[in-house]
Amino acid sequence: MYISYLNLWKLLAEKELSKSDLIELTGLSSRVIAKLAKNETVTTDTIAKICTALSCNVGDIMECSNENTLSLYNYSRTFGEQVEENEHIKKIKFTFNNQKYVLYITKKSANKATRIYCEKDETIYWEQHYMMGGISTSQIVKSVLVKPERKPDEIAIVVIKGKPGIITGLDEGIWVSAKKGKLSGEKDIFVMSEVVFKVFSVQK
């Protein structure tokens, strides 16, 4: 079981208040608000300040929840531990239903002019197309995104934030489509957009 502050965010939305508004009303720091967003432990004084500011009861902003009811996406956001970070990727690890996961999540968001290439050298490349002065020709910038790896007891997932125009090279070599949903070898790695990851579940 864990404490969830989902009710708090729903209450703020109902009152048309933002997290910045909550900081102003309570005097809490942005660090404390970030802890609430991650369902991390906060002091009873923090809870009291929020209830006073919003004229509500404790049950209106928090509840005890069962982690087994969470999706893989929500579980990773609640319990995932960041173990590595560079200019392109955040690496997150967690265990869900006795299965170890490692996530490689892009720090920037893709758009329809973004192409993600999963190539035979086991590297993922980010290719961005830029229109030149409003004319039909475009400039293409291709860069290394990540060369992920996983241990035999882990499931590795590369999550592309935003909505890339295309992800190529899936189901070839080590790269596996989220739609396929099943690993076939010890080196296989899923690659998918964040939208797909929100509804993704590994087939047993």
N, C-alpha and C. Protein backbone atom coordinates (compact mmCIF):
# COMPACT_ATOMS: atom_id res chain seq x y z
N MET A 1 0.83 -1.20 0.00
CA MET A 1 0.00 0.00 0.00
C MET A 1 0.87 1.25 0.00
N TYR A 2 0.36 2.34 -0.57
CA TYR A 2 1.09 3.60 -0.59
C TYR A 2 0.08 4.75 -0.56
N ILE A 3 0.57 5.93 -0.20
CA ILE A 3 -0.29 7.11 -0.15
C ILE A 3 -0.32 7.78 -1.53
N SER A 4 -1.52 8.02 -2.01
CA SER A 4 -1.70 8.68 -3.30
C SER A 4 -2.31 10.07 -3.08
N TYR A 5 -1.77 11.05 -3.80
CA TYR A 5 -2.28 12.43 -3.72
C TYR A 5 -3.07 12.81 -4.97
N LEU A 6 -3.58 11.80 -5.66
CA LEU A 6 -4.36 12.06 -6.87
C LEU A 6 -5.56 12.95 -6.57
N ASN A 7 -6.18 12.75 -5.42
CA ASN A 7 -7.33 13.57 -5.04
C ASN A 7 -6.97 15.05 -4.95
N LEU A 8 -5.74 15.33 -4.53
CA LEU A 8 -5.30 16.72 -4.43
C LEU A 8 -5.31 17.38 -5.80
N TRP A 9 -4.77 16.69 -6.79
CA TRP A 9 -4.69 17.28 -8.14
C TRP A 9 -6.08 17.44 -8.75
N LYS A 10 -6.98 16.50 -8.43
CA LYS A 10 -8.36 16.62 -8.90
C LYS A 10 -9.04 17.83 -8.25
N LEU A 11 -8.76 18.01 -6.95
CA LEU A 11 -9.35 19.15 -6.24
C LEU A 11 -8.84 20.47 -6.78
N LEU A 12 -7.54 20.54 -7.07
CA LEU A 12 -6.98 21.76 -7.65
C LEU A 12 -7.63 22.06 -9.00
N ALA A 13 -7.84 21.02 -9.80
CA ALA A 13 -8.46 21.21 -11.12
C ALA A 13 -9.89 21.73 -10.97
N GLU A 14 -10.61 21.18 -9.99
CA GLU A 14 -11.99 21.63 -9.75
C GLU A 14 -12.04 23.10 -9.34
N LYS A 15 -11.03 23.52 -8.58
CA LYS A 15 -10.97 24.90 -8.10
C LYS A 15 -10.23 25.81 -9.09
N GLU A 16 -9.82 25.24 -10.22
CA GLU A 16 -9.09 25.97 -11.26
C GLU A 16 -7.82 26.60 -10.70
N LEU A 17 -7.09 25.80 -9.90
CA LEU A 17 -5.84 26.23 -9.31
C LEU A 17 -4.69 25.41 -9.89
N SER A 18 -3.53 26.03 -9.96
CA SER A 18 -2.32 25.34 -10.45
C SER A 18 -1.41 24.98 -9.28
N LYS A 19 -0.33 24.26 -9.56
CA LYS A 19 0.65 23.95 -8.52
C LYS A 19 1.30 25.24 -8.01
N SER A 20 1.50 26.19 -8.90
CA SER A 20 2.07 27.48 -8.49
C SER A 20 1.13 28.20 -7.53
N ASP A 21 -0.17 28.09 -7.80
CA ASP A 21 -1.17 28.69 -6.91
C ASP A 21 -1.11 28.02 -5.53
N LEU A 22 -0.92 26.70 -5.53
CA LEU A 22 -0.85 25.97 -4.27
C LEU A 22 0.37 26.41 -3.44
N ILE A 23 1.48 26.63 -4.13
CA ILE A 23 2.69 27.12 -3.45
C ILE A 23 2.42 28.48 -2.80
N GLU A 24 1.74 29.35 -3.54
CA GLU A 24 1.44 30.70 -3.03
C GLU A 24 0.47 30.64 -1.84
N LEU A 25 -0.50 29.76 -1.92
CA LEU A 25 -1.51 29.66 -0.87
C LEU A 25 -0.98 29.04 0.42
N THR A 26 -0.04 28.10 0.28
CA THR A 26 0.43 27.34 1.44
C THR A 26 1.80 27.78 1.96
N GLY A 27 2.59 28.42 1.10
CA GLY A 27 3.94 28.77 1.50
C GLY A 27 4.90 27.60 1.40
N LEU A 28 4.44 26.48 0.83
CA LEU A 28 5.29 25.30 0.67
C LEU A 28 6.28 25.53 -0.48
N SER A 29 7.37 24.83 -0.46
CA SER A 29 8.39 24.97 -1.51
C SER A 29 8.02 24.11 -2.72
N SER A 30 8.61 24.43 -3.85
CA SER A 30 8.39 23.64 -5.06
C SER A 30 8.91 22.21 -4.88
N ARG A 31 9.92 22.04 -4.03
CA ARG A 31 10.46 20.71 -3.75
C ARG A 31 9.43 19.83 -3.06
N VAL A 32 8.67 20.40 -2.12
CA VAL A 32 7.62 19.65 -1.43
C VAL A 32 6.49 19.30 -2.39
N ILE A 33 6.12 20.23 -3.25
CA ILE A 33 5.07 19.97 -4.23
C ILE A 33 5.51 18.86 -5.18
N ALA A 34 6.79 18.85 -5.54
CA ALA A 34 7.31 17.80 -6.41
C ALA A 34 7.23 16.44 -5.72
N LYS A 35 7.45 16.40 -4.40
CA LYS A 35 7.34 15.16 -3.64
C LYS A 35 5.89 14.65 -3.65
N LEU A 36 4.95 15.57 -3.52
CA LEU A 36 3.54 15.20 -3.58
C LEU A 36 3.19 14.62 -4.96
N ALA A 37 3.74 15.22 -5.99
CA ALA A 37 3.47 14.76 -7.36
C ALA A 37 3.97 13.34 -7.58
N LYS A 38 5.00 12.95 -6.80
CA LYS A 38 5.58 11.61 -6.92
C LYS A 38 5.04 10.67 -5.84
N ASN A 39 4.03 11.12 -5.10
CA ASN A 39 3.45 10.33 -4.01
C ASN A 39 4.49 9.94 -2.96
N GLU A 40 5.43 10.85 -2.70
CA GLU A 40 6.45 10.59 -1.70
C GLU A 40 5.98 11.08 -0.32
N THR A 41 6.66 10.65 0.72
CA THR A 41 6.28 10.99 2.09
C THR A 41 6.50 12.48 2.37
N VAL A 42 5.50 13.10 2.98
CA VAL A 42 5.61 14.49 3.43
C VAL A 42 5.15 14.55 4.89
N THR A 43 5.41 15.65 5.55
CA THR A 43 5.06 15.79 6.97
C THR A 43 3.57 16.07 7.14
N THR A 44 3.08 15.79 8.35
CA THR A 44 1.69 16.10 8.66
C THR A 44 1.46 17.61 8.64
N ASP A 45 2.50 18.39 8.92
CA ASP A 45 2.40 19.84 8.86
C ASP A 45 2.10 20.29 7.43
N THR A 46 2.71 19.61 6.46
CA THR A 46 2.45 19.91 5.05
C THR A 46 0.99 19.64 4.71
N ILE A 47 0.49 18.49 5.15
CA ILE A 47 -0.91 18.13 4.89
C ILE A 47 -1.85 19.15 5.53
N ALA A 48 -1.53 19.55 6.75
CA ALA A 48 -2.37 20.53 7.47
C ALA A 48 -2.41 21.86 6.74
N LYS A 49 -1.27 22.30 6.22
CA LYS A 49 -1.22 23.57 5.49
C LYS A 49 -2.08 23.52 4.23
N ILE A 50 -2.04 22.39 3.54
CA ILE A 50 -2.84 22.25 2.31
C ILE A 50 -4.32 22.24 2.64
N CYS A 51 -4.71 21.47 3.65
CA CYS A 51 -6.12 21.40 4.05
C CYS A 51 -6.65 22.75 4.49
N THR A 52 -5.82 23.50 5.21
CA THR A 52 -6.22 24.84 5.65
C THR A 52 -6.39 25.77 4.47
N ALA A 53 -5.43 25.74 3.54
CA ALA A 53 -5.47 26.63 2.38
C ALA A 53 -6.65 26.33 1.46
N LEU A 54 -6.99 25.05 1.35
CA LEU A 54 -8.06 24.65 0.41
C LEU A 54 -9.39 24.43 1.12
N SER A 55 -9.43 24.65 2.43
CA SER A 55 -10.65 24.46 3.23
C SER A 55 -11.25 23.07 2.98
N CYS A 56 -10.42 22.04 3.19
CA CYS A 56 -10.87 20.68 2.93
C CYS A 56 -10.37 19.75 4.03
N ASN A 57 -10.78 18.49 3.96
CA ASN A 57 -10.34 17.47 4.90
C ASN A 57 -9.21 16.63 4.28
N VAL A 58 -8.53 15.86 5.14
CA VAL A 58 -7.41 15.04 4.68
C VAL A 58 -7.84 14.09 3.56
N GLY A 59 -9.01 13.48 3.70
CA GLY A 59 -9.48 12.54 2.69
C GLY A 59 -9.76 13.19 1.34
N ASP A 60 -9.88 14.52 1.33
CA ASP A 60 -10.13 15.23 0.07
C ASP A 60 -8.86 15.37 -0.77
N ILE A 61 -7.69 15.15 -0.14
CA ILE A 61 -6.44 15.35 -0.89
C ILE A 61 -5.55 14.11 -0.95
N MET A 62 -5.86 13.08 -0.14
CA MET A 62 -5.00 11.90 -0.15
C MET A 62 -5.80 10.65 0.19
N GLU A 63 -5.27 9.49 -0.23
CA GLU A 63 -5.89 8.22 0.10
C GLU A 63 -4.85 7.12 0.04
N CYS A 64 -5.14 6.02 0.70
CA CYS A 64 -4.25 4.86 0.69
C CYS A 64 -4.64 3.98 -0.49
N SER A 65 -3.65 3.67 -1.36
CA SER A 65 -3.93 2.91 -2.57
C SER A 65 -3.08 1.65 -2.63
N ASN A 66 -3.53 0.72 -3.45
CA ASN A 66 -2.81 -0.54 -3.64
C ASN A 66 -2.02 -0.46 -4.93
N GLU A 67 -0.69 -0.64 -4.85
CA GLU A 67 0.15 -0.53 -6.04
C GLU A 67 -0.16 -1.57 -7.11
N ASN A 68 -0.80 -2.69 -6.70
CA ASN A 68 -1.13 -3.74 -7.67
C ASN A 68 -2.18 -3.29 -8.68
N THR A 69 -2.88 -2.20 -8.37
CA THR A 69 -3.91 -1.70 -9.29
C THR A 69 -3.34 -0.71 -10.30
N LEU A 70 -2.07 -0.34 -10.15
CA LEU A 70 -1.46 0.63 -11.05
C LEU A 70 -1.08 0.00 -12.39
N SER A 71 -1.12 0.79 -13.44
CA SER A 71 -0.60 0.35 -14.72
C SER A 71 0.92 0.40 -14.67
N LEU A 72 1.56 -0.23 -15.65
CA LEU A 72 3.03 -0.21 -15.71
C LEU A 72 3.53 1.23 -15.77
N TYR A 73 2.86 2.07 -16.56
CA TYR A 73 3.24 3.47 -16.71
C TYR A 73 3.15 4.21 -15.38
N ASN A 74 2.02 4.10 -14.70
CA ASN A 74 1.83 4.80 -13.43
C ASN A 74 2.73 4.25 -12.34
N TYR A 75 2.98 2.95 -12.37
CA TYR A 75 3.88 2.35 -11.39
C TYR A 75 5.29 2.92 -11.56
N SER A 76 5.73 3.05 -12.81
CA SER A 76 7.07 3.58 -13.06
C SER A 76 7.20 5.02 -12.57
N ARG A 77 6.14 5.80 -12.71
CA ARG A 77 6.16 7.20 -12.27
C ARG A 77 6.12 7.30 -10.74
N THR A 78 5.46 6.34 -10.10
CA THR A 78 5.32 6.37 -8.65
C THR A 78 6.53 5.78 -7.93
N PHE A 79 7.05 4.66 -8.45
CA PHE A 79 8.08 3.93 -7.73
C PHE A 79 9.42 3.83 -8.46
N GLY A 80 9.48 4.34 -9.69
CA GLY A 80 10.72 4.26 -10.44
C GLY A 80 11.84 5.09 -9.82
N GLU A 81 13.05 4.57 -9.85
CA GLU A 81 14.22 5.27 -9.31
C GLU A 81 15.16 5.66 -10.45
N GLN A 82 15.43 6.94 -10.56
CA GLN A 82 16.36 7.39 -11.59
C GLN A 82 17.78 6.99 -11.20
N VAL A 83 18.44 6.26 -12.10
CA VAL A 83 19.78 5.76 -11.80
C VAL A 83 20.85 6.39 -12.69
N GLU A 84 20.40 7.08 -13.73
CA GLU A 84 21.37 7.68 -14.66
C GLU A 84 20.67 8.76 -15.47
N GLU A 85 21.45 9.76 -15.92
CA GLU A 85 20.89 10.83 -16.73
C GLU A 85 21.98 11.46 -17.57
N ASN A 86 21.65 11.77 -18.82
CA ASN A 86 22.56 12.56 -19.66
C ASN A 86 21.72 13.60 -20.41
N GLU A 87 22.28 14.24 -21.39
CA GLU A 87 21.55 15.32 -22.07
C GLU A 87 20.36 14.81 -22.88
N HIS A 88 20.32 13.51 -23.17
CA HIS A 88 19.24 12.97 -24.01
C HIS A 88 18.24 12.10 -23.26
N ILE A 89 18.71 11.38 -22.24
CA ILE A 89 17.93 10.28 -21.66
C ILE A 89 17.96 10.30 -20.13
N LYS A 90 16.82 9.90 -19.55
CA LYS A 90 16.78 9.56 -18.14
C LYS A 90 16.59 8.04 -18.03
N LYS A 91 17.41 7.40 -17.22
CA LYS A 91 17.33 5.96 -17.05
C LYS A 91 16.66 5.67 -15.71
N ILE A 92 15.56 4.91 -15.77
CA ILE A 92 14.75 4.62 -14.60
C ILE A 92 14.70 3.11 -14.37
N LYS A 93 14.80 2.69 -13.10
CA LYS A 93 14.68 1.27 -12.79
C LYS A 93 13.60 1.05 -11.72
N PHE A 94 12.90 -0.08 -11.83
CA PHE A 94 11.91 -0.45 -10.83
C PHE A 94 11.55 -1.93 -11.03
N THR A 95 10.87 -2.49 -10.03
CA THR A 95 10.38 -3.87 -10.12
C THR A 95 8.87 -3.85 -10.01
N PHE A 96 8.20 -4.50 -10.96
CA PHE A 96 6.74 -4.50 -11.02
C PHE A 96 6.27 -5.94 -11.19
N ASN A 97 5.43 -6.41 -10.26
CA ASN A 97 4.95 -7.79 -10.29
C ASN A 97 6.10 -8.79 -10.39
N ASN A 98 7.13 -8.56 -9.59
CA ASN A 98 8.32 -9.42 -9.51
C ASN A 98 9.16 -9.44 -10.78
N GLN A 99 8.92 -8.49 -11.68
CA GLN A 99 9.71 -8.37 -12.90
C GLN A 99 10.51 -7.07 -12.86
N LYS A 100 11.81 -7.14 -13.15
CA LYS A 100 12.65 -5.96 -13.17
C LYS A 100 12.52 -5.24 -14.51
N TYR A 101 12.44 -3.90 -14.46
CA TYR A 101 12.35 -3.09 -15.66
C TYR A 101 13.43 -2.01 -15.65
N VAL A 102 13.91 -1.66 -16.83
CA VAL A 102 14.78 -0.50 -16.99
C VAL A 102 14.19 0.34 -18.13
N LEU A 103 13.94 1.60 -17.84
CA LEU A 103 13.36 2.51 -18.84
C LEU A 103 14.41 3.53 -19.28
N TYR A 104 14.42 3.81 -20.57
CA TYR A 104 15.21 4.90 -21.12
C TYR A 104 14.21 5.90 -21.68
N ILE A 105 14.04 7.03 -20.99
CA ILE A 105 13.01 7.99 -21.35
C ILE A 105 13.66 9.25 -21.91
N THR A 106 13.24 9.68 -23.10
CA THR A 106 13.84 10.86 -23.71
C THR A 106 13.49 12.11 -22.91
N LYS A 107 14.42 13.05 -22.85
CA LYS A 107 14.20 14.28 -22.11
C LYS A 107 13.47 15.33 -22.96
N LYS A 108 13.64 15.26 -24.26
CA LYS A 108 12.91 16.19 -25.12
C LYS A 108 11.79 15.43 -25.83
N SER A 109 10.83 16.19 -26.32
CA SER A 109 9.66 15.59 -26.96
C SER A 109 9.81 15.56 -28.48
N ALA A 110 9.41 14.45 -29.04
CA ALA A 110 9.42 14.30 -30.50
C ALA A 110 8.16 14.92 -31.09
N ASN A 111 8.21 15.21 -32.40
CA ASN A 111 7.03 15.71 -33.10
C ASN A 111 6.92 15.01 -34.46
N LYS A 112 5.97 15.43 -35.27
CA LYS A 112 5.75 14.72 -36.53
C LYS A 112 6.93 14.82 -37.48
N ALA A 113 7.85 15.76 -37.22
CA ALA A 113 9.05 15.89 -38.05
C ALA A 113 10.24 15.10 -37.47
N THR A 114 9.95 14.29 -36.44
CA THR A 114 10.99 13.48 -35.81
C THR A 114 10.88 12.04 -36.30
N ARG A 115 12.02 11.47 -36.66
CA ARG A 115 12.08 10.05 -37.02
C ARG A 115 13.06 9.36 -36.08
N ILE A 116 12.63 8.23 -35.54
CA ILE A 116 13.47 7.45 -34.64
C ILE A 116 13.93 6.20 -35.39
N TYR A 117 15.23 6.00 -35.45
CA TYR A 117 15.79 4.85 -36.17
C TYR A 117 16.41 3.87 -35.19
N CYS A 118 15.96 2.61 -35.23
CA CYS A 118 16.56 1.53 -34.46
C CYS A 118 17.42 0.73 -35.44
N GLU A 119 18.73 0.89 -35.36
CA GLU A 119 19.59 0.34 -36.40
C GLU A 119 20.38 -0.88 -35.95
N LYS A 120 20.99 -1.55 -36.92
CA LYS A 120 21.64 -2.83 -36.69
C LYS A 120 22.84 -2.74 -35.75
N ASP A 121 23.40 -1.54 -35.58
CA ASP A 121 24.53 -1.40 -34.66
C ASP A 121 24.06 -1.30 -33.21
N GLU A 122 22.77 -1.59 -32.98
CA GLU A 122 22.15 -1.61 -31.65
C GLU A 122 22.10 -0.23 -31.00
N THR A 123 22.06 0.80 -31.84
CA THR A 123 21.94 2.18 -31.38
C THR A 123 20.64 2.78 -31.91
N ILE A 124 20.01 3.62 -31.09
CA ILE A 124 18.83 4.35 -31.54
C ILE A 124 19.25 5.76 -31.92
N TYR A 125 18.83 6.19 -33.11
CA TYR A 125 19.17 7.52 -33.61
C TYR A 125 17.92 8.39 -33.67
N TRP A 126 18.12 9.66 -33.38
CA TRP A 126 17.05 10.67 -33.43
C TRP A 126 17.32 11.54 -34.66
N GLU A 127 16.39 11.54 -35.60
CA GLU A 127 16.54 12.36 -36.82
C GLU A 127 15.46 13.42 -36.85
N GLN A 128 15.88 14.68 -36.87
CA GLN A 128 14.93 15.80 -36.85
C GLN A 128 14.97 16.53 -38.19
N HIS A 129 13.80 16.75 -38.76
CA HIS A 129 13.69 17.46 -40.04
C HIS A 129 13.25 18.90 -39.77
N TYR A 130 13.97 19.85 -40.34
CA TYR A 130 13.65 21.28 -40.17
C TYR A 130 13.36 21.88 -41.53
N MET A 131 12.25 22.61 -41.65
CA MET A 131 11.93 23.30 -42.89
C MET A 131 12.83 24.53 -43.02
N MET A 132 13.29 24.78 -44.22
CA MET A 132 14.21 25.88 -44.48
C MET A 132 13.47 27.07 -45.08
N GLY A 133 13.20 28.08 -44.26
CA GLY A 133 12.58 29.31 -44.75
C GLY A 133 11.22 29.14 -45.37
N GLY A 134 10.48 28.13 -44.94
CA GLY A 134 9.13 27.94 -45.43
C GLY A 134 9.04 27.30 -46.80
N ILE A 135 10.18 26.89 -47.38
CA ILE A 135 10.14 26.24 -48.69
C ILE A 135 10.12 24.73 -48.50
N SER A 136 10.01 24.00 -49.58
CA SER A 136 9.77 22.56 -49.50
C SER A 136 11.00 21.76 -49.07
N THR A 137 12.19 22.29 -49.26
CA THR A 137 13.38 21.56 -48.84
C THR A 137 13.56 21.65 -47.33
N SER A 138 14.22 20.66 -46.76
CA SER A 138 14.39 20.63 -45.32
C SER A 138 15.82 20.27 -44.95
N GLN A 139 16.22 20.69 -43.77
CA GLN A 139 17.51 20.32 -43.22
C GLN A 139 17.29 19.15 -42.27
N ILE A 140 18.15 18.14 -42.34
CA ILE A 140 18.02 16.95 -41.50
C ILE A 140 19.20 16.88 -40.53
N VAL A 141 18.88 16.78 -39.25
CA VAL A 141 19.91 16.63 -38.22
C VAL A 141 19.72 15.28 -37.55
N LYS A 142 20.72 14.42 -37.68
CA LYS A 142 20.64 13.07 -37.11
C LYS A 142 21.68 12.93 -36.01
N SER A 143 21.24 12.43 -34.84
CA SER A 143 22.15 12.29 -33.72
C SER A 143 21.86 11.00 -32.97
N VAL A 144 22.87 10.53 -32.22
CA VAL A 144 22.70 9.34 -31.40
C VAL A 144 21.81 9.67 -30.22
N LEU A 145 20.77 8.87 -30.00
CA LEU A 145 19.89 9.06 -28.86
C LEU A 145 20.38 8.21 -27.67
N VAL A 146 20.49 6.91 -27.90
CA VAL A 146 20.92 6.02 -26.83
C VAL A 146 21.29 4.66 -27.41
N LYS A 147 22.21 3.99 -26.78
CA LYS A 147 22.53 2.60 -27.09
C LYS A 147 22.18 1.79 -25.84
N PRO A 148 20.91 1.39 -25.73
CA PRO A 148 20.46 0.75 -24.50
C PRO A 148 20.92 -0.71 -24.40
N GLU A 149 20.88 -1.20 -23.19
CA GLU A 149 21.18 -2.61 -22.97
C GLU A 149 20.35 -3.08 -21.80
N ARG A 150 20.24 -4.38 -21.66
CA ARG A 150 19.50 -4.92 -20.52
C ARG A 150 20.14 -6.21 -20.06
N LYS A 151 19.96 -6.49 -18.78
CA LYS A 151 20.43 -7.75 -18.22
C LYS A 151 19.38 -8.83 -18.52
N PRO A 152 19.77 -10.10 -18.50
CA PRO A 152 18.83 -11.17 -18.83
C PRO A 152 17.56 -11.18 -17.99
N ASP A 153 17.64 -10.67 -16.73
CA ASP A 153 16.46 -10.69 -15.86
C ASP A 153 15.67 -9.40 -15.91
N GLU A 154 16.02 -8.50 -16.83
CA GLU A 154 15.33 -7.21 -16.96
C GLU A 154 14.54 -7.14 -18.27
N ILE A 155 13.54 -6.28 -18.28
CA ILE A 155 12.86 -5.89 -19.52
C ILE A 155 13.21 -4.43 -19.75
N ALA A 156 13.78 -4.13 -20.89
CA ALA A 156 14.19 -2.76 -21.21
C ALA A 156 13.19 -2.13 -22.17
N ILE A 157 12.83 -0.88 -21.89
CA ILE A 157 11.88 -0.15 -22.72
C ILE A 157 12.43 1.25 -22.99
N VAL A 158 12.50 1.63 -24.26
CA VAL A 158 12.87 2.98 -24.64
C VAL A 158 11.58 3.74 -24.92
N VAL A 159 11.36 4.81 -24.17
CA VAL A 159 10.13 5.59 -24.29
C VAL A 159 10.44 6.93 -24.94
N ILE A 160 9.82 7.20 -26.09
CA ILE A 160 10.00 8.46 -26.81
C ILE A 160 8.88 9.41 -26.42
N LYS A 161 9.21 10.47 -25.68
CA LYS A 161 8.20 11.45 -25.30
C LYS A 161 7.69 12.18 -26.54
N GLY A 162 6.44 12.64 -26.48
CA GLY A 162 5.86 13.32 -27.63
C GLY A 162 5.32 12.31 -28.64
N LYS A 163 5.16 12.77 -29.88
CA LYS A 163 4.59 11.93 -30.92
C LYS A 163 5.49 11.94 -32.15
N PRO A 164 6.47 11.01 -32.21
CA PRO A 164 7.37 10.97 -33.36
C PRO A 164 6.62 10.63 -34.64
N GLY A 165 7.13 11.16 -35.76
CA GLY A 165 6.49 10.87 -37.04
C GLY A 165 6.56 9.39 -37.38
N ILE A 166 7.70 8.76 -37.04
CA ILE A 166 7.87 7.35 -37.35
C ILE A 166 8.98 6.76 -36.48
N ILE A 167 8.84 5.49 -36.14
CA ILE A 167 9.90 4.72 -35.49
C ILE A 167 10.20 3.54 -36.39
N THR A 168 11.41 3.49 -36.94
CA THR A 168 11.75 2.44 -37.90
C THR A 168 12.73 1.45 -37.29
N GLY A 169 12.77 0.27 -37.90
CA GLY A 169 13.70 -0.77 -37.47
C GLY A 169 13.16 -1.67 -36.38
N LEU A 170 11.89 -1.52 -36.02
CA LEU A 170 11.30 -2.37 -35.00
C LEU A 170 11.11 -3.79 -35.54
N ASP A 171 11.15 -4.76 -34.62
CA ASP A 171 11.04 -6.18 -34.96
C ASP A 171 12.16 -6.64 -35.89
N GLU A 172 13.27 -5.92 -35.83
CA GLU A 172 14.46 -6.29 -36.59
C GLU A 172 15.63 -6.31 -35.61
N GLY A 173 16.38 -7.38 -35.57
CA GLY A 173 17.49 -7.44 -34.63
C GLY A 173 16.98 -7.49 -33.20
N ILE A 174 17.48 -6.58 -32.34
CA ILE A 174 17.07 -6.60 -30.93
C ILE A 174 15.82 -5.76 -30.67
N TRP A 175 15.40 -4.96 -31.65
CA TRP A 175 14.33 -3.99 -31.41
C TRP A 175 12.95 -4.63 -31.57
N VAL A 176 12.07 -4.38 -30.58
CA VAL A 176 10.77 -5.03 -30.55
C VAL A 176 9.66 -3.98 -30.49
N SER A 177 8.66 -4.14 -31.33
CA SER A 177 7.51 -3.24 -31.32
C SER A 177 6.66 -3.45 -30.08
N ALA A 178 6.10 -2.37 -29.56
CA ALA A 178 5.19 -2.47 -28.43
C ALA A 178 3.96 -3.30 -28.80
N LYS A 179 3.56 -3.24 -30.06
CA LYS A 179 2.38 -3.99 -30.51
C LYS A 179 2.64 -5.49 -30.48
N LYS A 180 3.90 -5.85 -30.73
CA LYS A 180 4.26 -7.26 -30.66
C LYS A 180 4.12 -7.74 -29.22
N GLY A 181 4.59 -6.92 -28.28
CA GLY A 181 4.34 -7.17 -26.87
C GLY A 181 5.01 -8.38 -26.25
N LYS A 182 5.97 -8.98 -26.95
CA LYS A 182 6.58 -10.19 -26.40
C LYS A 182 8.06 -10.25 -26.76
N LEU A 183 8.90 -10.50 -25.76
CA LEU A 183 10.33 -10.62 -26.00
C LEU A 183 10.64 -12.02 -26.52
N SER A 184 11.59 -12.10 -27.44
CA SER A 184 11.96 -13.40 -27.99
C SER A 184 13.39 -13.80 -27.67
N GLY A 185 14.20 -12.83 -27.19
CA GLY A 185 15.59 -13.13 -26.89
C GLY A 185 16.11 -12.31 -25.73
N GLU A 186 17.29 -12.66 -25.24
CA GLU A 186 17.86 -11.99 -24.08
C GLU A 186 18.27 -10.55 -24.35
N LYS A 187 18.43 -10.18 -25.63
CA LYS A 187 18.87 -8.83 -25.95
C LYS A 187 17.73 -7.92 -26.39
N ASP A 188 16.53 -8.48 -26.54
CA ASP A 188 15.40 -7.70 -27.05
C ASP A 188 15.09 -6.49 -26.18
N ILE A 189 14.74 -5.38 -26.86
CA ILE A 189 14.40 -4.13 -26.18
C ILE A 189 13.18 -3.51 -26.86
N PHE A 190 12.16 -3.16 -26.08
CA PHE A 190 10.98 -2.50 -26.62
C PHE A 190 11.29 -1.03 -26.90
N VAL A 191 10.72 -0.51 -27.99
CA VAL A 191 10.81 0.91 -28.31
C VAL A 191 9.39 1.40 -28.63
N MET A 192 8.98 2.52 -28.00
CA MET A 192 7.61 2.99 -28.21
C MET A 192 7.47 4.46 -27.82
N SER A 193 6.40 5.08 -28.28
CA SER A 193 6.10 6.45 -27.86
C SER A 193 5.53 6.42 -26.44
N GLU A 194 5.53 7.57 -25.79
CA GLU A 194 5.00 7.66 -24.43
C GLU A 194 3.51 7.32 -24.41
N VAL A 195 2.78 7.71 -25.44
CA VAL A 195 1.34 7.41 -25.51
C VAL A 195 1.11 5.90 -25.49
N VAL A 196 1.90 5.17 -26.26
CA VAL A 196 1.77 3.71 -26.31
C VAL A 196 2.17 3.10 -24.97
N PHE A 197 3.22 3.65 -24.34
CA PHE A 197 3.67 3.12 -23.06
C PHE A 197 2.59 3.24 -21.99
N LYS A 198 1.76 4.26 -22.07
CA LYS A 198 0.70 4.46 -21.07
C LYS A 198 -0.31 3.31 -21.05
N VAL A 199 -0.45 2.59 -22.15
CA VAL A 199 -1.40 1.49 -22.22
C VAL A 199 -0.71 0.15 -22.44
N PHE A 200 0.60 0.13 -22.37
CA PHE A 200 1.38 -1.06 -22.71
C PHE A 200 1.39 -2.08 -21.56
N SER A 201 1.30 -3.34 -21.91
CA SER A 201 1.49 -4.44 -20.96
C SER A 201 2.21 -5.57 -21.68
N VAL A 202 3.14 -6.18 -21.00
CA VAL A 202 3.93 -7.25 -21.60
C VAL A 202 3.13 -8.53 -21.64
N GLN A 203 3.09 -9.18 -22.78
CA GLN A 203 2.39 -10.46 -22.92
C GLN A 203 3.19 -11.56 -22.24
N LYS A 204 2.48 -12.39 -21.51
CA LYS A 204 3.12 -13.53 -20.83
C LYS A 204 3.04 -14.76 -21.71
